[in-house]
N, C-alpha and C. Protein backbone atom coordinates (compact mmCIF):
# COMPACT_ATOMS: atom_id res chain seq x y z
N MET A 1 23.78 18.90 -9.61
CA MET A 1 24.93 17.96 -9.29
C MET A 1 24.16 16.48 -9.79
N ASN A 2 24.52 15.32 -10.01
CA ASN A 2 24.09 14.01 -10.77
C ASN A 2 23.77 13.22 -9.06
N GLN A 3 22.57 12.78 -8.94
CA GLN A 3 21.99 12.44 -7.51
C GLN A 3 22.79 11.10 -7.32
N ARG A 4 23.36 10.38 -8.52
CA ARG A 4 24.06 9.46 -7.58
C ARG A 4 25.41 9.93 -6.91
N HIS A 5 25.86 10.94 -7.22
CA HIS A 5 26.77 11.25 -6.35
C HIS A 5 26.65 11.86 -5.20
N ASN A 6 24.99 12.49 -5.19
CA ASN A 6 24.50 13.36 -3.73
C ASN A 6 23.44 12.65 -3.50
N PRO A 7 23.14 11.16 -3.23
CA PRO A 7 22.01 10.73 -3.01
C PRO A 7 21.33 11.04 -1.66
N PRO A 8 20.25 10.89 -1.38
CA PRO A 8 19.59 11.41 -0.04
C PRO A 8 20.42 9.89 1.16
N PHE A 9 20.63 10.41 2.40
CA PHE A 9 20.79 9.13 3.35
C PHE A 9 19.53 8.77 4.03
N VAL A 10 19.25 7.65 4.04
CA VAL A 10 17.94 7.19 4.40
C VAL A 10 18.14 6.12 5.70
N GLY A 11 19.30 5.88 6.17
CA GLY A 11 19.48 5.22 7.43
C GLY A 11 19.31 3.76 7.10
N ALA A 12 19.05 2.96 8.32
CA ALA A 12 19.02 1.52 7.92
C ALA A 12 17.41 1.16 7.80
N PRO A 13 17.12 0.19 7.11
CA PRO A 13 15.82 -0.22 7.03
C PRO A 13 15.04 -0.72 8.20
N ASP A 14 13.86 -0.20 8.50
CA ASP A 14 13.24 -0.38 9.54
C ASP A 14 12.16 -1.52 9.34
N PRO A 15 12.10 -2.76 10.03
CA PRO A 15 11.40 -3.73 9.29
C PRO A 15 10.08 -3.60 9.62
N GLU A 16 9.61 -2.69 10.58
CA GLU A 16 8.43 -2.29 10.94
C GLU A 16 7.68 -1.62 9.07
N LEU A 17 8.39 -1.20 8.67
CA LEU A 17 8.07 -0.07 7.74
C LEU A 17 7.96 -0.89 6.23
N ARG A 18 7.29 -0.28 5.22
CA ARG A 18 7.32 -0.97 3.67
C ARG A 18 8.73 -0.56 3.12
N ASN A 19 9.22 -1.83 2.78
CA ASN A 19 10.81 -1.81 2.22
C ASN A 19 10.97 -2.78 1.11
N SER A 20 11.29 -2.23 -0.16
CA SER A 20 11.66 -2.99 -1.20
C SER A 20 12.81 -4.19 -0.73
N PRO A 21 12.68 -5.21 -1.70
CA PRO A 21 14.16 -5.99 -1.36
C PRO A 21 15.09 -5.47 -2.20
N VAL A 22 16.31 -6.02 -1.54
CA VAL A 22 17.66 -5.25 -1.84
C VAL A 22 18.78 -6.50 -2.22
N VAL A 23 18.75 -6.26 -3.56
CA VAL A 23 19.69 -7.68 -4.16
C VAL A 23 21.04 -7.13 -4.87
N GLU A 24 21.84 -7.74 -5.37
CA GLU A 24 22.85 -7.75 -6.22
C GLU A 24 22.36 -7.74 -7.41
N ASP A 25 22.96 -6.84 -8.52
CA ASP A 25 22.77 -6.61 -9.92
C ASP A 25 23.19 -7.94 -10.50
N THR A 26 24.04 -9.00 -10.05
CA THR A 26 24.38 -10.23 -10.83
C THR A 26 23.85 -11.42 -9.95
N ASP A 27 23.17 -11.03 -8.94
CA ASP A 27 22.49 -12.03 -8.33
C ASP A 27 21.37 -12.74 -8.74
N GLU A 28 21.03 -13.75 -8.66
CA GLU A 28 20.24 -14.61 -9.39
C GLU A 28 18.69 -14.39 -8.84
N GLU A 29 18.72 -13.80 -7.41
CA GLU A 29 17.37 -12.98 -6.91
C GLU A 29 16.84 -11.92 -7.76
N PHE A 30 17.71 -11.25 -8.30
CA PHE A 30 17.20 -10.07 -8.85
C PHE A 30 16.44 -10.49 -9.95
N GLU A 31 16.62 -11.53 -10.86
CA GLU A 31 15.62 -12.19 -11.75
C GLU A 31 14.54 -12.50 -11.28
N ILE A 32 14.44 -13.12 -9.88
CA ILE A 32 13.21 -13.70 -9.33
C ILE A 32 12.22 -12.32 -8.87
N TYR A 33 13.05 -11.34 -8.15
CA TYR A 33 12.49 -10.07 -7.59
C TYR A 33 11.92 -9.25 -8.75
N ALA A 34 12.70 -9.28 -9.95
CA ALA A 34 12.13 -8.60 -11.22
C ALA A 34 10.74 -9.10 -11.71
N LEU A 35 10.66 -10.77 -11.37
CA LEU A 35 9.67 -11.43 -11.96
C LEU A 35 8.31 -10.99 -11.10
N GLU A 36 8.53 -10.81 -9.46
CA GLU A 36 7.73 -10.87 -8.69
C GLU A 36 7.19 -9.15 -8.59
N TYR A 37 7.96 -8.41 -9.12
CA TYR A 37 7.68 -6.86 -8.81
C TYR A 37 7.74 -6.51 -10.36
N PRO A 38 7.10 -7.03 -11.32
CA PRO A 38 7.21 -6.45 -12.72
C PRO A 38 6.50 -4.84 -12.91
N GLU A 39 7.37 -4.39 -13.63
CA GLU A 39 6.83 -2.98 -14.07
C GLU A 39 6.69 -1.92 -12.84
N ARG A 40 7.21 -2.21 -11.86
CA ARG A 40 6.83 -1.27 -10.58
C ARG A 40 7.71 0.04 -10.86
N PRO A 41 6.90 1.21 -10.92
CA PRO A 41 7.74 2.47 -11.03
C PRO A 41 8.46 2.90 -10.06
N VAL A 42 8.28 2.28 -8.71
CA VAL A 42 9.12 2.62 -7.48
C VAL A 42 9.31 1.78 -6.72
N CYS A 43 10.40 1.73 -5.64
CA CYS A 43 11.00 1.32 -4.69
C CYS A 43 10.25 1.92 -3.26
N TYR A 44 10.43 0.98 -2.51
CA TYR A 44 10.09 1.63 -0.94
C TYR A 44 11.17 1.35 0.12
N PHE A 45 11.46 2.44 0.67
CA PHE A 45 12.76 2.77 1.70
C PHE A 45 11.79 3.26 3.02
N ASN A 46 11.49 2.45 4.09
CA ASN A 46 11.07 3.10 5.08
C ASN A 46 9.77 3.88 4.84
N ASN A 47 9.18 3.16 4.31
CA ASN A 47 7.61 3.91 3.88
C ASN A 47 7.62 5.08 2.85
N VAL A 48 8.86 5.09 2.56
CA VAL A 48 8.90 6.29 1.29
C VAL A 48 9.21 5.85 -0.15
N ALA A 49 8.66 6.40 -1.11
CA ALA A 49 8.65 5.61 -2.45
C ALA A 49 9.79 6.69 -3.36
N TYR A 50 10.66 5.77 -3.91
CA TYR A 50 11.90 6.46 -4.81
C TYR A 50 11.19 5.78 -6.11
N GLN A 51 11.45 6.96 -7.14
CA GLN A 51 11.41 6.45 -8.39
C GLN A 51 12.31 5.37 -8.96
N SER A 52 12.09 4.46 -10.29
CA SER A 52 13.01 3.61 -10.66
C SER A 52 14.09 4.45 -11.22
N GLY A 53 15.31 4.29 -10.67
CA GLY A 53 16.45 5.18 -11.30
C GLY A 53 17.12 5.70 -10.26
N GLN A 54 16.52 6.29 -9.22
CA GLN A 54 16.71 7.13 -8.06
C GLN A 54 17.95 6.15 -7.27
N PHE A 55 18.72 7.11 -6.39
CA PHE A 55 19.69 6.78 -5.72
C PHE A 55 19.69 6.96 -4.21
N VAL A 56 19.89 6.10 -3.31
CA VAL A 56 19.99 6.58 -2.07
C VAL A 56 21.12 6.15 -1.07
N CYS A 57 21.72 6.57 0.00
CA CYS A 57 22.39 6.15 0.81
C CYS A 57 21.84 5.39 1.60
N ALA A 58 22.16 4.07 2.17
CA ALA A 58 21.42 3.40 3.22
C ALA A 58 22.58 2.77 4.22
N GLY A 59 21.78 2.80 5.41
CA GLY A 59 23.07 1.76 6.66
C GLY A 59 24.02 2.57 6.47
N ARG A 60 25.01 2.08 6.38
CA ARG A 60 26.50 2.28 6.95
C ARG A 60 27.22 2.89 5.45
N GLY A 61 26.37 3.61 4.85
CA GLY A 61 26.98 3.85 3.42
C GLY A 61 27.10 3.28 2.33
N GLU A 62 25.88 2.09 2.19
CA GLU A 62 25.68 1.53 1.06
C GLU A 62 24.72 2.10 -0.07
N LEU A 63 25.30 2.18 -1.27
CA LEU A 63 24.55 3.23 -2.41
C LEU A 63 23.95 2.34 -3.06
N LEU A 64 22.55 2.53 -3.09
CA LEU A 64 21.30 1.62 -3.54
C LEU A 64 20.78 2.26 -4.64
N ARG A 65 20.42 1.47 -5.81
CA ARG A 65 19.52 1.88 -7.27
C ARG A 65 18.39 1.33 -7.03
N CYS A 66 17.01 2.31 -7.37
CA CYS A 66 15.81 1.55 -7.44
C CYS A 66 15.56 1.25 -9.17
N GLU A 67 15.22 0.04 -9.18
CA GLU A 67 15.50 -0.70 -10.55
C GLU A 67 13.89 -1.46 -10.45
N GLU A 68 12.96 -0.47 -10.73
CA GLU A 68 11.81 -1.31 -10.96
C GLU A 68 11.14 -1.93 -10.10
N GLY A 69 11.05 -1.60 -8.50
CA GLY A 69 10.35 -2.12 -7.48
C GLY A 69 11.61 -2.97 -6.90
N VAL A 70 12.98 -3.00 -7.15
CA VAL A 70 14.03 -3.63 -6.50
C VAL A 70 15.10 -2.50 -6.32
N TRP A 71 15.52 -2.60 -4.94
CA TRP A 71 16.89 -2.06 -4.67
C TRP A 71 18.00 -2.86 -5.10
N VAL A 72 18.99 -2.13 -5.79
CA VAL A 72 20.25 -2.83 -6.57
C VAL A 72 21.07 -2.14 -5.70
N ARG A 73 22.28 -2.91 -5.33
CA ARG A 73 23.68 -2.63 -4.75
C ARG A 73 24.46 -2.02 -5.66
N GLU A 74 25.05 -0.80 -5.21
CA GLU A 74 25.75 -0.13 -6.39
C GLU A 74 27.18 0.15 -6.10
N GLY A 75 27.43 0.00 -4.76
CA GLY A 75 28.64 -0.18 -3.83
C GLY A 75 28.43 0.96 -2.69
N SER A 76 29.63 1.77 -2.63
CA SER A 76 29.34 2.62 -1.52
C SER A 76 29.29 4.10 -1.62
N CYS A 77 28.81 4.71 -0.83
CA CYS A 77 28.47 6.08 -1.12
C CYS A 77 29.57 7.09 -0.69
N ASP A 78 30.62 6.42 -0.09
CA ASP A 78 31.99 7.26 0.05
C ASP A 78 32.41 7.91 -1.58
N PRO A 79 32.53 8.63 -1.71
CA PRO A 79 33.15 9.23 -3.09
C PRO A 79 34.75 8.75 -3.09
N ASP A 80 35.33 8.77 -2.20
CA ASP A 80 36.56 8.22 -2.10
C ASP A 80 36.81 7.21 -2.37
N ASN A 81 35.54 6.08 -2.12
CA ASN A 81 36.23 4.60 -2.00
C ASN A 81 34.99 4.32 -2.99
N PRO A 82 34.44 4.25 -3.76
CA PRO A 82 33.15 3.58 -4.50
C PRO A 82 33.16 2.38 -4.39
């Protein structure tokens, strides 16, 4: 099964742990963070590393995609309401 449709649930980010920034794909911040985190092959969520291209379900069902060191919001983890 495609991991986009069955991503691991990682809960809410713990501010005490290492977490990569979360941005909107169209957000101006994406360009800034992309410059700050160039060529990073992983994103962190609560001290766990995820490879670029991996998806996770965070918080209250928010689908995130790792994009070279930055989490990009992809929508909802609810398959009936993406």
